[in-house]
Amino acid sequence: MKRNIAIVAGGDSSEHDVSLRSAEGIMSFMDKDKYNCYIVEVTSNNWKVEYHNETCHIDRADFSFTAKDGRHTFDFAYITIHGTPGENGIMQGYFDLIGMPYSTSGVLVEALTFNKFALNNFLRAYPELHISDSVLIRKGDTVTTDTEQQLAARLGIPCFVKPNAGGSSFGVTKVKHADALRAAIEKAMVESDEVMVEKMMSGTEITCGCFKRANGEIVTLPITEVVCHDEFFDYDAKYNNKSDEITPARIAPETAQRVSEMTKHIYHILGCYGLIRIDYILSGEKGNEQINMLEINTTPGMTATSFIPQQVRASEYDIKDVLSDIIEGKFC
């Protein structure tokens, strides 16, 4: 019997449409000999599934749906919502309550990794990890000229202002003058009630994918180097071909090995599950760089041109087998 897989996409953030593109990618990658796959689109008040040219309502009591040919249930949820509620633990909590296995890490890990400031401060407990200094500003906090000067003195200029909970670089600004901080913070507040102002790290930007096989082995994928045409890796760079993505990265083999081991280490520290991607900045002498952790993405993009599929194509693995490992690992 084939397992019925719900590819859960959409969500309530600015990344809704990006998430649907990832769902289409996952649908194309899945092993159709093993799984019956259906895309479930989730928004605040409307959960629906496309089933044989029929749009059906999802019953949130048990995540089932009823079509013309009867009632149907799912065996597994592959979550590819970027942003809330799929990347911050809310959807994971729902699936835990109804006993549905899913593709990502659990509630605590998802909530922690979605909160950039909390994650950075948690990981600072591990001295082997290098993380940039940052300051958190919450909605309602008063940002004055003195605040701008204090932030500039502590973090330096240029610095980055970004939503504390968000992705796809929505609301992110590279601030080059202290008196531009207030406007950048207001822009980021549109995406999140909390904003992180972060010290800029200079160097080579790379990203490394990682997943756990059904046998429990943590595996890293070939590293991608990101070369931006503009100031930083913003939305245009990610989705409108304004960057060069080079896999494998043009870095020393010993650096690649250290990045791979650090990625596995962080995956283990956090107790992750499924595919994740960790972004880094390499600074210093080539071959002996300092590895600076930038961000962790626990529901990475999965279109054909996204980082993870690129990295899988450059590896010894087949994308359909990677997805099967993630699914079957929850039934072992």
C-alpha atoms as a PDB file:
ATOM      1  CA  MET A   1       0.000   0.000   0.000  1.00  0.00           C
ATOM      2  CA  LYS A   2       1.293   3.444  -0.902  1.00  0.00           C
ATOM      3  CA  ARG A   3       1.468   6.018   1.880  1.00  0.00           C
ATOM      4  CA  ASN A   4      -0.672   9.129   1.435  1.00  0.00           C
ATOM      5  CA  ILE A   5       1.536  12.208   1.767  1.00  0.00           C
ATOM      6  CA  ALA A   6       0.263  15.735   2.391  1.00  0.00           C
ATOM      7  CA  ILE A   7       2.677  18.364   1.076  1.00  0.00           C
ATOM      8  CA  VAL A   8       1.666  21.211   3.363  1.00  0.00           C
ATOM      9  CA  ALA A   9       2.298  24.684   1.921  1.00  0.00           C
ATOM     10  CA  GLY A  10       1.076  28.273   1.944  1.00  0.00           C
ATOM     11  CA  GLY A  11       0.949  29.865   5.357  1.00  0.00           C
ATOM     12  CA  ASP A  12       0.210  33.404   6.455  1.00  0.00           C
ATOM     13  CA  SER A  13       3.455  35.254   5.791  1.00  0.00           C
ATOM     14  CA  SER A  14       4.897  37.128   2.817  1.00  0.00           C
ATOM     15  CA  GLU A  15       6.459  33.816   1.770  1.00  0.00           C
ATOM     16  CA  HIS A  16       3.090  32.195   0.952  1.00  0.00           C
ATOM     17  CA  ASP A  17       3.648  32.077  -2.813  1.00  0.00           C
ATOM     18  CA  VAL A  18       7.289  30.984  -2.453  1.00  0.00           C
ATOM     19  CA  SER A  19       6.033  28.110  -0.302  1.00  0.00           C
ATOM     20  CA  LEU A  20       3.588  26.993  -3.002  1.00  0.00           C
ATOM     21  CA  ARG A  21       6.454  26.892  -5.501  1.00  0.00           C
ATOM     22  CA  SER A  22       8.402  24.700  -3.075  1.00  0.00           C
ATOM     23  CA  ALA A  23       5.398  22.396  -2.806  1.00  0.00           C
ATOM     24  CA  GLU A  24       5.332  21.970  -6.573  1.00  0.00           C
ATOM     25  CA  GLY A  25       9.032  21.155  -6.461  1.00  0.00           C
ATOM     26  CA  ILE A  26       8.572  18.529  -3.756  1.00  0.00           C
ATOM     27  CA  MET A  27       5.658  17.030  -5.664  1.00  0.00           C
ATOM     28  CA  SER A  28       7.913  16.629  -8.711  1.00  0.00           C
ATOM     29  CA  PHE A  29      10.714  15.064  -6.636  1.00  0.00           C
ATOM     30  CA  MET A  30       8.636  12.494  -4.735  1.00  0.00           C
ATOM     31  CA  ASP A  31       8.867   8.776  -5.523  1.00  0.00           C
ATOM     32  CA  LYS A  32       5.427   8.186  -7.029  1.00  0.00           C
ATOM     33  CA  ASP A  33       5.915   4.415  -6.861  1.00  0.00           C
ATOM     34  CA  LYS A  34       5.913   4.698  -3.050  1.00  0.00           C
ATOM     35  CA  TYR A  35       3.640   7.620  -2.321  1.00  0.00           C
ATOM     36  CA  ASN A  36       0.350   9.232  -3.268  1.00  0.00           C
ATOM     37  CA  CYS A  37       1.095  12.949  -2.901  1.00  0.00           C
ATOM     38  CA  TYR A  38      -1.342  15.858  -2.579  1.00  0.00           C
ATOM     39  CA  ILE A  39      -0.670  19.546  -1.969  1.00  0.00           C
ATOM     40  CA  VAL A  40      -2.526  20.972   1.018  1.00  0.00           C
ATOM     41  CA  GLU A  41      -2.682  24.774   1.015  1.00  0.00           C
ATOM     42  CA  VAL A  42      -2.980  26.318   4.457  1.00  0.00           C
ATOM     43  CA  THR A  43      -4.067  29.858   5.285  1.00  0.00           C
ATOM     44  CA  SER A  44      -5.555  31.196   8.518  1.00  0.00           C
ATOM     45  CA  ASN A  45      -9.132  30.110   7.903  1.00  0.00           C
ATOM     46  CA  ASN A  46      -8.941  27.921   4.842  1.00  0.00           C
ATOM     47  CA  TRP A  47      -7.206  24.543   4.619  1.00  0.00           C
ATOM     48  CA  LYS A  48      -7.798  22.828   1.297  1.00  0.00           C
ATOM     49  CA  VAL A  49      -6.415  20.005  -0.828  1.00  0.00           C
ATOM     50  CA  GLU A  50      -6.428  19.452  -4.573  1.00  0.00           C
ATOM     51  CA  TYR A  51      -7.632  15.884  -5.122  1.00  0.00           C
ATOM     52  CA  HIS A  52      -8.104  14.637  -8.704  1.00  0.00           C
ATOM     53  CA  ASN A  53      -9.283  18.019 -10.033  1.00  0.00           C
ATOM     54  CA  GLU A  54     -11.514  18.487  -6.986  1.00  0.00           C
ATOM     55  CA  THR A  55     -10.841  21.097  -4.280  1.00  0.00           C
ATOM     56  CA  CYS A  56     -11.704  19.641  -0.892  1.00  0.00           C
ATOM     57  CA  HIS A  57     -11.872  21.184   2.579  1.00  0.00           C
ATOM     58  CA  ILE A  58      -9.508  19.771   5.224  1.00  0.00           C
ATOM     59  CA  ASP A  59     -11.189  18.775   8.494  1.00  0.00           C
ATOM     60  CA  ARG A  60      -8.849  20.187  11.137  1.00  0.00           C
ATOM     61  CA  ALA A  61     -10.155  17.748  13.741  1.00  0.00           C
ATOM     62  CA  ASP A  62      -8.098  14.955  12.183  1.00  0.00           C
ATOM     63  CA  PHE A  63      -6.561  16.412   8.969  1.00  0.00           C
ATOM     64  CA  SER A  64      -8.860  14.305   6.777  1.00  0.00           C
ATOM     65  CA  PHE A  65     -10.964  15.366   3.810  1.00  0.00           C
ATOM     66  CA  THR A  66     -14.062  14.112   2.072  1.00  0.00           C
ATOM     67  CA  ALA A  67     -14.258  13.986  -1.731  1.00  0.00           C
ATOM     68  CA  LYS A  68     -16.885  12.636  -4.105  1.00  0.00           C
ATOM     69  CA  ASP A  69     -15.426   9.143  -3.705  1.00  0.00           C
ATOM     70  CA  GLY A  70     -15.418   9.218   0.102  1.00  0.00           C
ATOM     71  CA  ARG A  71     -13.316  10.193   3.104  1.00  0.00           C
ATOM     72  CA  HIS A  72      -9.522  10.225   2.894  1.00  0.00           C
ATOM     73  CA  THR A  73      -6.731  10.458   5.475  1.00  0.00           C
ATOM     74  CA  PHE A  74      -2.998  11.096   5.328  1.00  0.00           C
ATOM     75  CA  ASP A  75      -0.121   9.046   6.685  1.00  0.00           C
ATOM     76  CA  PHE A  76       2.512  11.805   6.736  1.00  0.00           C
ATOM     77  CA  ALA A  77       2.804  15.580   6.410  1.00  0.00           C
ATOM     78  CA  TYR A  78       5.708  17.053   4.462  1.00  0.00           C
ATOM     79  CA  ILE A  79       5.768  20.646   5.746  1.00  0.00           C
ATOM     80  CA  THR A  80       7.116  23.215   3.310  1.00  0.00           C
ATOM     81  CA  ILE A  81       5.502  26.358   4.720  1.00  0.00           C
ATOM     82  CA  HIS A  82       8.098  29.138   4.845  1.00  0.00           C
ATOM     83  CA  GLY A  83       7.236  31.341   7.805  1.00  0.00           C
ATOM     84  CA  THR A  84       4.233  30.999  10.101  1.00  0.00           C
ATOM     85  CA  PRO A  85       2.655  28.571  10.925  1.00  0.00           C
ATOM     86  CA  GLY A  86       4.955  25.915   9.454  1.00  0.00           C
ATOM     87  CA  GLU A  87       8.398  27.191  10.402  1.00  0.00           C
ATOM     88  CA  ASN A  88       7.767  28.377  13.953  1.00  0.00           C
ATOM     89  CA  GLY A  89       6.370  25.247  15.629  1.00  0.00           C
ATOM     90  CA  ILE A  90       2.649  25.996  15.380  1.00  0.00           C
ATOM     91  CA  MET A  91       1.869  23.460  12.653  1.00  0.00           C
ATOM     92  CA  GLN A  92       4.178  20.930  14.326  1.00  0.00           C
ATOM     93  CA  GLY A  93       2.217  21.296  17.576  1.00  0.00           C
ATOM     94  CA  TYR A  94      -1.016  20.646  15.710  1.00  0.00           C
ATOM     95  CA  PHE A  95       0.350  17.496  14.102  1.00  0.00           C
ATOM     96  CA  ASP A  96       1.698  16.310  17.470  1.00  0.00           C
ATOM     97  CA  LEU A  97      -1.779  16.706  18.951  1.00  0.00           C
ATOM     98  CA  ILE A  98      -3.446  14.580  16.272  1.00  0.00           C
ATOM     99  CA  GLY A  99      -0.584  12.043  16.076  1.00  0.00           C
ATOM    100  CA  MET A 100       0.507  12.796  12.496  1.00  0.00           C
ATOM    101  CA  PRO A 101       4.218  12.241  11.680  1.00  0.00           C
ATOM    102  CA  TYR A 102       5.859  15.121   9.822  1.00  0.00           C
ATOM    103  CA  SER A 103       9.040  16.065   8.008  1.00  0.00           C
ATOM    104  CA  THR A 104      10.578  18.782  10.158  1.00  0.00           C
ATOM    105  CA  SER A 105      12.090  19.167  13.597  1.00  0.00           C
ATOM    106  CA  GLY A 106       9.768  19.335  16.592  1.00  0.00           C
ATOM    107  CA  VAL A 107       7.989  22.290  18.184  1.00  0.00           C
ATOM    108  CA  LEU A 108      10.859  23.569  20.341  1.00  0.00           C
ATOM    109  CA  VAL A 109      13.478  23.418  17.591  1.00  0.00           C
ATOM    110  CA  GLU A 110      11.191  25.099  15.061  1.00  0.00           C
ATOM    111  CA  ALA A 111      10.227  27.878  17.468  1.00  0.00           C
ATOM    112  CA  LEU A 112      13.856  28.453  18.458  1.00  0.00           C
ATOM    113  CA  THR A 113      15.323  28.492  14.958  1.00  0.00           C
ATOM    114  CA  PHE A 114      12.566  30.793  13.711  1.00  0.00           C
ATOM    115  CA  ASN A 115      13.487  33.348  16.373  1.00  0.00           C
ATOM    116  CA  LYS A 116      16.871  34.532  15.121  1.00  0.00           C
ATOM    117  CA  PHE A 117      17.820  36.429  18.285  1.00  0.00           C
ATOM    118  CA  ALA A 118      16.864  33.580  20.650  1.00  0.00           C
ATOM    119  CA  LEU A 119      18.699  31.046  18.492  1.00  0.00           C
ATOM    120  CA  ASN A 120      21.880  33.117  18.376  1.00  0.00           C
ATOM    121  CA  ASN A 121      21.906  33.547  22.131  1.00  0.00           C
ATOM    122  CA  PHE A 122      21.241  29.844  22.708  1.00  0.00           C
ATOM    123  CA  LEU A 123      24.128  28.834  20.434  1.00  0.00           C
ATOM    124  CA  ARG A 124      26.523  31.288  22.084  1.00  0.00           C
ATOM    125  CA  ALA A 125      26.728  28.724  24.900  1.00  0.00           C
ATOM    126  CA  TYR A 126      28.935  26.706  22.512  1.00  0.00           C
ATOM    127  CA  PRO A 127      32.319  28.496  22.283  1.00  0.00           C
ATOM    128  CA  GLU A 128      33.278  26.647  19.104  1.00  0.00           C
ATOM    129  CA  LEU A 129      30.531  28.539  17.241  1.00  0.00           C
ATOM    130  CA  HIS A 130      31.082  32.100  16.029  1.00  0.00           C
ATOM    131  CA  ILE A 131      27.954  34.263  15.925  1.00  0.00           C
ATOM    132  CA  SER A 132      27.594  37.984  15.220  1.00  0.00           C
ATOM    133  CA  ASP A 133      26.569  40.420  17.944  1.00  0.00           C
ATOM    134  CA  SER A 134      22.983  41.701  17.747  1.00  0.00           C
ATOM    135  CA  VAL A 135      20.347  43.747  19.547  1.00  0.00           C
ATOM    136  CA  LEU A 136      16.614  42.992  19.748  1.00  0.00           C
ATOM    137  CA  ILE A 137      13.979  45.720  19.385  1.00  0.00           C
ATOM    138  CA  ARG A 138      10.328  44.959  20.071  1.00  0.00           C
ATOM    139  CA  LYS A 139       7.204  46.609  18.716  1.00  0.00           C
ATOM    140  CA  GLY A 140       6.379  49.565  20.939  1.00  0.00           C
ATOM    141  CA  ASP A 141       9.998  50.277  21.871  1.00  0.00           C
ATOM    142  CA  THR A 142      10.933  53.905  21.289  1.00  0.00           C
ATOM    143  CA  VAL A 143      13.730  54.350  18.762  1.00  0.00           C
ATOM    144  CA  THR A 144      15.316  57.798  19.041  1.00  0.00           C
ATOM    145  CA  THR A 145      18.367  59.481  17.588  1.00  0.00           C
ATOM    146  CA  ASP A 146      20.220  58.418  20.737  1.00  0.00           C
ATOM    147  CA  THR A 147      19.110  54.820  20.108  1.00  0.00           C
ATOM    148  CA  GLU A 148      20.479  54.993  16.568  1.00  0.00           C
ATOM    149  CA  GLN A 149      23.819  56.273  17.846  1.00  0.00           C
ATOM    150  CA  GLN A 150      24.010  53.593  20.544  1.00  0.00           C
ATOM    151  CA  LEU A 151      23.273  50.836  18.036  1.00  0.00           C
ATOM    152  CA  ALA A 152      25.885  52.222  15.631  1.00  0.00           C
ATOM    153  CA  ALA A 153      28.486  52.437  18.398  1.00  0.00           C
ATOM    154  CA  ARG A 154      27.900  48.846  19.498  1.00  0.00           C
ATOM    155  CA  LEU A 155      27.346  47.098  16.160  1.00  0.00           C
ATOM    156  CA  GLY A 156      29.161  49.328  13.710  1.00  0.00           C
ATOM    157  CA  ILE A 157      28.054  50.738  10.369  1.00  0.00           C
ATOM    158  CA  PRO A 158      27.156  49.190   7.974  1.00  0.00           C
ATOM    159  CA  CYS A 159      24.937  46.786   9.898  1.00  0.00           C
ATOM    160  CA  PHE A 160      21.865  44.732   9.073  1.00  0.00           C
ATOM    161  CA  VAL A 161      18.301  45.236  10.243  1.00  0.00           C
ATOM    162  CA  LYS A 162      16.043  42.242   9.777  1.00  0.00           C
ATOM    163  CA  PRO A 163      12.720  40.865  11.064  1.00  0.00           C
ATOM    164  CA  ASN A 164      13.449  38.568  13.982  1.00  0.00           C
ATOM    165  CA  ALA A 165      10.934  36.066  12.606  1.00  0.00           C
ATOM    166  CA  GLY A 166      10.767  35.887   8.832  1.00  0.00           C
ATOM    167  CA  GLY A 167      12.464  34.718   5.686  1.00  0.00           C
ATOM    168  CA  SER A 168      13.189  35.291   1.992  1.00  0.00           C
ATOM    169  CA  SER A 169      14.854  38.586   3.058  1.00  0.00           C
ATOM    170  CA  PHE A 170      11.493  40.382   3.279  1.00  0.00           C
ATOM    171  CA  GLY A 171      12.008  43.539   5.350  1.00  0.00           C
ATOM    172  CA  VAL A 172      15.813  43.263   5.508  1.00  0.00           C
ATOM    173  CA  THR A 173      17.955  46.392   5.089  1.00  0.00           C
ATOM    174  CA  LYS A 174      21.690  46.922   4.950  1.00  0.00           C
ATOM    175  CA  VAL A 175      22.056  50.189   6.856  1.00  0.00           C
ATOM    176  CA  LYS A 176      24.975  52.409   5.824  1.00  0.00           C
ATOM    177  CA  HIS A 177      24.248  55.466   7.994  1.00  0.00           C
ATOM    178  CA  ALA A 178      23.188  55.588  11.640  1.00  0.00           C
ATOM    179  CA  ASP A 179      20.352  58.004  10.915  1.00  0.00           C
ATOM    180  CA  ALA A 180      18.782  55.420   8.574  1.00  0.00           C
ATOM    181  CA  LEU A 181      18.336  52.857  11.353  1.00  0.00           C
ATOM    182  CA  ARG A 182      14.916  54.069  12.465  1.00  0.00           C
ATOM    183  CA  ALA A 183      13.384  53.778   8.987  1.00  0.00           C
ATOM    184  CA  ALA A 184      14.941  50.313   8.524  1.00  0.00           C
ATOM    185  CA  ILE A 185      13.500  49.171  11.851  1.00  0.00           C
ATOM    186  CA  GLU A 186      10.042  50.429  10.855  1.00  0.00           C
ATOM    187  CA  LYS A 187      10.316  48.536   7.563  1.00  0.00           C
ATOM    188  CA  ALA A 188      11.260  45.290   9.341  1.00  0.00           C
ATOM    189  CA  MET A 189       8.400  45.734  11.831  1.00  0.00           C
ATOM    190  CA  VAL A 190       5.952  45.247   8.953  1.00  0.00           C
ATOM    191  CA  GLU A 191       7.101  41.608   8.792  1.00  0.00           C
ATOM    192  CA  SER A 192       7.597  40.866  12.498  1.00  0.00           C
ATOM    193  CA  ASP A 193       6.789  42.374  15.900  1.00  0.00           C
ATOM    194  CA  GLU A 194      10.451  41.956  16.804  1.00  0.00           C
ATOM    195  CA  VAL A 195      13.448  43.270  14.875  1.00  0.00           C
ATOM    196  CA  MET A 196      17.079  42.258  15.130  1.00  0.00           C
ATOM    197  CA  VAL A 197      19.859  44.742  14.441  1.00  0.00           C
ATOM    198  CA  GLU A 198      22.977  42.733  13.656  1.00  0.00           C
ATOM    199  CA  LYS A 199      26.683  43.450  13.279  1.00  0.00           C
ATOM    200  CA  MET A 200      27.733  42.873   9.686  1.00  0.00           C
ATOM    201  CA  MET A 201      30.104  40.011   8.924  1.00  0.00           C
ATOM    202  CA  SER A 202      32.266  40.343   5.822  1.00  0.00           C
ATOM    203  CA  GLY A 203      33.613  37.481   3.763  1.00  0.00           C
ATOM    204  CA  THR A 204      32.492  34.623   1.547  1.00  0.00           C
ATOM    205  CA  GLU A 205      28.846  33.633   1.953  1.00  0.00           C
ATOM    206  CA  ILE A 206      28.139  29.909   1.795  1.00  0.00           C
ATOM    207  CA  THR A 207      25.279  27.587   2.670  1.00  0.00           C
ATOM    208  CA  CYS A 208      25.263  23.902   3.584  1.00  0.00           C
ATOM    209  CA  GLY A 209      22.323  21.489   3.509  1.00  0.00           C
ATOM    210  CA  CYS A 210      21.941  18.652   5.989  1.00  0.00           C
ATOM    211  CA  PHE A 211      19.476  15.843   6.704  1.00  0.00           C
ATOM    212  CA  LYS A 212      19.129  12.653   8.716  1.00  0.00           C
ATOM    213  CA  ARG A 213      18.804   9.375   6.885  1.00  0.00           C
ATOM    214  CA  ALA A 214      16.262   6.751   7.922  1.00  0.00           C
ATOM    215  CA  ASN A 215      19.100   4.808   9.591  1.00  0.00           C
ATOM    216  CA  GLY A 216      19.885   7.804  11.847  1.00  0.00           C
ATOM    217  CA  GLU A 217      23.026   8.970  10.013  1.00  0.00           C
ATOM    218  CA  ILE A 218      23.387  12.764   9.754  1.00  0.00           C
ATOM    219  CA  VAL A 219      24.489  13.666   6.225  1.00  0.00           C
ATOM    220  CA  THR A 220      25.691  16.980   4.803  1.00  0.00           C
ATOM    221  CA  LEU A 221      25.420  17.990   1.157  1.00  0.00           C
ATOM    222  CA  PRO A 222      27.958  19.779  -1.071  1.00  0.00           C
ATOM    223  CA  ILE A 223      28.349  23.417  -0.036  1.00  0.00           C
ATOM    224  CA  THR A 224      27.065  26.293  -2.184  1.00  0.00           C
ATOM    225  CA  GLU A 225      28.904  29.595  -2.538  1.00  0.00           C
ATOM    226  CA  VAL A 226      26.691  32.655  -2.961  1.00  0.00           C
ATOM    227  CA  VAL A 227      28.005  35.626  -4.941  1.00  0.00           C
ATOM    228  CA  CYS A 228      25.536  38.541  -4.878  1.00  0.00           C
ATOM    229  CA  HIS A 229      25.313  41.040  -7.714  1.00  0.00           C
ATOM    230  CA  ASP A 230      23.924  43.666  -5.334  1.00  0.00           C
ATOM    231  CA  GLU A 231      24.523  44.639  -1.706  1.00  0.00           C
ATOM    232  CA  PHE A 232      23.425  41.371  -0.081  1.00  0.00           C
ATOM    233  CA  PHE A 233      21.423  38.180  -0.654  1.00  0.00           C
ATOM    234  CA  ASP A 234      17.994  39.832  -0.828  1.00  0.00           C
ATOM    235  CA  TYR A 235      14.718  38.691  -2.426  1.00  0.00           C
ATOM    236  CA  ASP A 236      15.864  39.606  -5.949  1.00  0.00           C
ATOM    237  CA  ALA A 237      19.103  37.714  -5.447  1.00  0.00           C
ATOM    238  CA  LYS A 238      17.209  34.658  -4.214  1.00  0.00           C
ATOM    239  CA  TYR A 239      14.393  34.543  -6.745  1.00  0.00           C
ATOM    240  CA  ASN A 240      15.182  36.872  -9.657  1.00  0.00           C
ATOM    241  CA  ASN A 241      18.644  35.648 -10.674  1.00  0.00           C
ATOM    242  CA  LYS A 242      20.538  38.519  -9.054  1.00  0.00           C
ATOM    243  CA  SER A 243      23.225  36.208  -7.667  1.00  0.00           C
ATOM    244  CA  ASP A 244      25.580  33.423  -8.695  1.00  0.00           C
ATOM    245  CA  GLU A 245      25.142  30.148  -6.822  1.00  0.00           C
ATOM    246  CA  ILE A 246      28.186  27.910  -7.199  1.00  0.00           C
ATOM    247  CA  THR A 247      27.979  24.271  -6.093  1.00  0.00           C
ATOM    248  CA  PRO A 248      30.364  22.975  -4.902  1.00  0.00           C
ATOM    249  CA  ALA A 249      31.738  26.168  -3.386  1.00  0.00           C
ATOM    250  CA  ARG A 250      35.153  27.438  -4.415  1.00  0.00           C
ATOM    251  CA  ILE A 251      36.667  26.948  -0.978  1.00  0.00           C
ATOM    252  CA  ALA A 252      39.599  24.915   0.307  1.00  0.00           C
ATOM    253  CA  PRO A 253      38.835  21.216   0.914  1.00  0.00           C
ATOM    254  CA  GLU A 254      39.847  21.541   4.564  1.00  0.00           C
ATOM    255  CA  THR A 255      37.425  24.460   4.985  1.00  0.00           C
ATOM    256  CA  ALA A 256      34.638  22.485   3.319  1.00  0.00           C
ATOM    257  CA  GLN A 257      35.294  19.621   5.724  1.00  0.00           C
ATOM    258  CA  ARG A 258      35.170  21.928   8.758  1.00  0.00           C
ATOM    259  CA  VAL A 259      31.912  23.510   7.544  1.00  0.00           C
ATOM    260  CA  SER A 260      30.423  20.055   7.007  1.00  0.00           C
ATOM    261  CA  GLU A 261      31.389  18.914  10.500  1.00  0.00           C
ATOM    262  CA  MET A 262      30.100  22.136  12.066  1.00  0.00           C
ATOM    263  CA  THR A 263      26.770  21.720  10.246  1.00  0.00           C
ATOM    264  CA  LYS A 264      26.394  18.167  11.556  1.00  0.00           C
ATOM    265  CA  HIS A 265      27.377  19.405  15.033  1.00  0.00           C
ATOM    266  CA  ILE A 266      24.696  22.119  15.047  1.00  0.00           C
ATOM    267  CA  TYR A 267      22.114  19.669  13.668  1.00  0.00           C
ATOM    268  CA  HIS A 268      22.929  17.324  16.575  1.00  0.00           C
ATOM    269  CA  ILE A 269      23.047  20.095  19.226  1.00  0.00           C
ATOM    270  CA  LEU A 270      19.559  21.258  18.313  1.00  0.00           C
ATOM    271  CA  GLY A 271      18.109  17.786  17.740  1.00  0.00           C
ATOM    272  CA  CYS A 272      16.938  18.617  14.231  1.00  0.00           C
ATOM    273  CA  TYR A 273      15.016  16.409  11.839  1.00  0.00           C
ATOM    274  CA  GLY A 274      14.463  16.573   8.095  1.00  0.00           C
ATOM    275  CA  LEU A 275      16.251  18.826   5.641  1.00  0.00           C
ATOM    276  CA  ILE A 276      17.788  21.994   7.027  1.00  0.00           C
ATOM    277  CA  ARG A 277      20.172  24.553   5.570  1.00  0.00           C
ATOM    278  CA  ILE A 278      22.723  26.577   7.518  1.00  0.00           C
ATOM    279  CA  ASP A 279      24.147  29.820   6.122  1.00  0.00           C
ATOM    280  CA  TYR A 280      27.667  30.962   7.033  1.00  0.00           C
ATOM    281  CA  ILE A 281      30.146  33.750   6.355  1.00  0.00           C
ATOM    282  CA  LEU A 282      33.789  32.706   5.952  1.00  0.00           C
ATOM    283  CA  SER A 283      36.237  35.387   7.061  1.00  0.00           C
ATOM    284  CA  GLY A 284      40.029  35.455   7.093  1.00  0.00           C
ATOM    285  CA  GLU A 285      42.794  33.623   5.277  1.00  0.00           C
ATOM    286  CA  LYS A 286      41.671  31.079   2.675  1.00  0.00           C
ATOM    287  CA  GLY A 287      42.000  27.563   4.020  1.00  0.00           C
ATOM    288  CA  ASN A 288      42.073  28.818   7.597  1.00  0.00           C
ATOM    289  CA  GLU A 289      38.910  30.928   7.678  1.00  0.00           C
ATOM    290  CA  GLN A 290      36.774  31.597  10.709  1.00  0.00           C
ATOM    291  CA  ILE A 291      33.351  30.030  10.150  1.00  0.00           C
ATOM    292  CA  ASN A 292      30.642  32.460  11.250  1.00  0.00           C
ATOM    293  CA  MET A 293      27.122  31.058  11.541  1.00  0.00           C
ATOM    294  CA  LEU A 294      24.570  33.373   9.984  1.00  0.00           C
ATOM    295  CA  GLU A 295      21.183  31.654   9.993  1.00  0.00           C
ATOM    296  CA  ILE A 296      19.425  28.272  10.116  1.00  0.00           C
ATOM    297  CA  ASN A 297      16.547  27.467   7.766  1.00  0.00           C
ATOM    298  CA  THR A 298      14.495  24.438   8.803  1.00  0.00           C
ATOM    299  CA  THR A 299      12.046  24.494   5.877  1.00  0.00           C
ATOM    300  CA  PRO A 300      14.366  25.481   3.019  1.00  0.00           C
ATOM    301  CA  GLY A 301      13.164  26.295  -0.467  1.00  0.00           C
ATOM    302  CA  MET A 302      12.557  23.248  -2.641  1.00  0.00           C
ATOM    303  CA  THR A 303      12.035  24.519  -6.170  1.00  0.00           C
ATOM    304  CA  ALA A 304      14.200  22.959  -8.865  1.00  0.00           C
ATOM    305  CA  THR A 305      16.639  25.887  -8.620  1.00  0.00           C
ATOM    306  CA  SER A 306      16.698  26.181  -4.804  1.00  0.00           C
ATOM    307  CA  PHE A 307      19.884  25.492  -2.855  1.00  0.00           C
ATOM    308  CA  ILE A 308      18.944  22.069  -1.481  1.00  0.00           C
ATOM    309  CA  PRO A 309      17.988  20.489  -4.847  1.00  0.00           C
ATOM    310  CA  GLN A 310      21.154  22.029  -6.350  1.00  0.00           C
ATOM    311  CA  GLN A 311      23.248  20.460  -3.601  1.00  0.00           C
ATOM    312  CA  VAL A 312      21.554  17.065  -3.885  1.00  0.00           C
ATOM    313  CA  ARG A 313      22.233  17.047  -7.635  1.00  0.00           C
ATOM    314  CA  ALA A 314      25.928  17.654  -6.878  1.00  0.00           C
ATOM    315  CA  SER A 315      25.991  14.809  -4.326  1.00  0.00           C
ATOM    316  CA  GLU A 316      25.860  11.028  -4.444  1.00  0.00           C
ATOM    317  CA  TYR A 317      22.180  11.074  -3.524  1.00  0.00           C
ATOM    318  CA  ASP A 318      18.954  11.220  -5.517  1.00  0.00           C
ATOM    319  CA  ILE A 319      16.392  13.775  -4.341  1.00  0.00           C
ATOM    320  CA  LYS A 320      13.560  11.224  -4.312  1.00  0.00           C
ATOM    321  CA  ASP A 321      15.632   8.975  -2.027  1.00  0.00           C
ATOM    322  CA  VAL A 322      16.409  11.885   0.300  1.00  0.00           C
ATOM    323  CA  LEU A 323      12.695  12.641   0.667  1.00  0.00           C
ATOM    324  CA  SER A 324      11.946   8.938   1.154  1.00  0.00           C
ATOM    325  CA  ASP A 325      14.575   8.761   3.914  1.00  0.00           C
ATOM    326  CA  ILE A 326      12.891  11.669   5.709  1.00  0.00           C
ATOM    327  CA  ILE A 327       9.455  10.059   5.424  1.00  0.00           C
ATOM    328  CA  GLU A 328      10.460   6.513   6.282  1.00  0.00           C
ATOM    329  CA  GLY A 329      12.612   7.690   9.196  1.00  0.00           C
ATOM    330  CA  LYS A 330       9.396   8.491  11.062  1.00  0.00           C
ATOM    331  CA  PHE A 331       8.111   4.915  10.635  1.00  0.00           C
ATOM    332  CA  CYS A 332      11.260   3.066  11.740  1.00  0.00           C
END
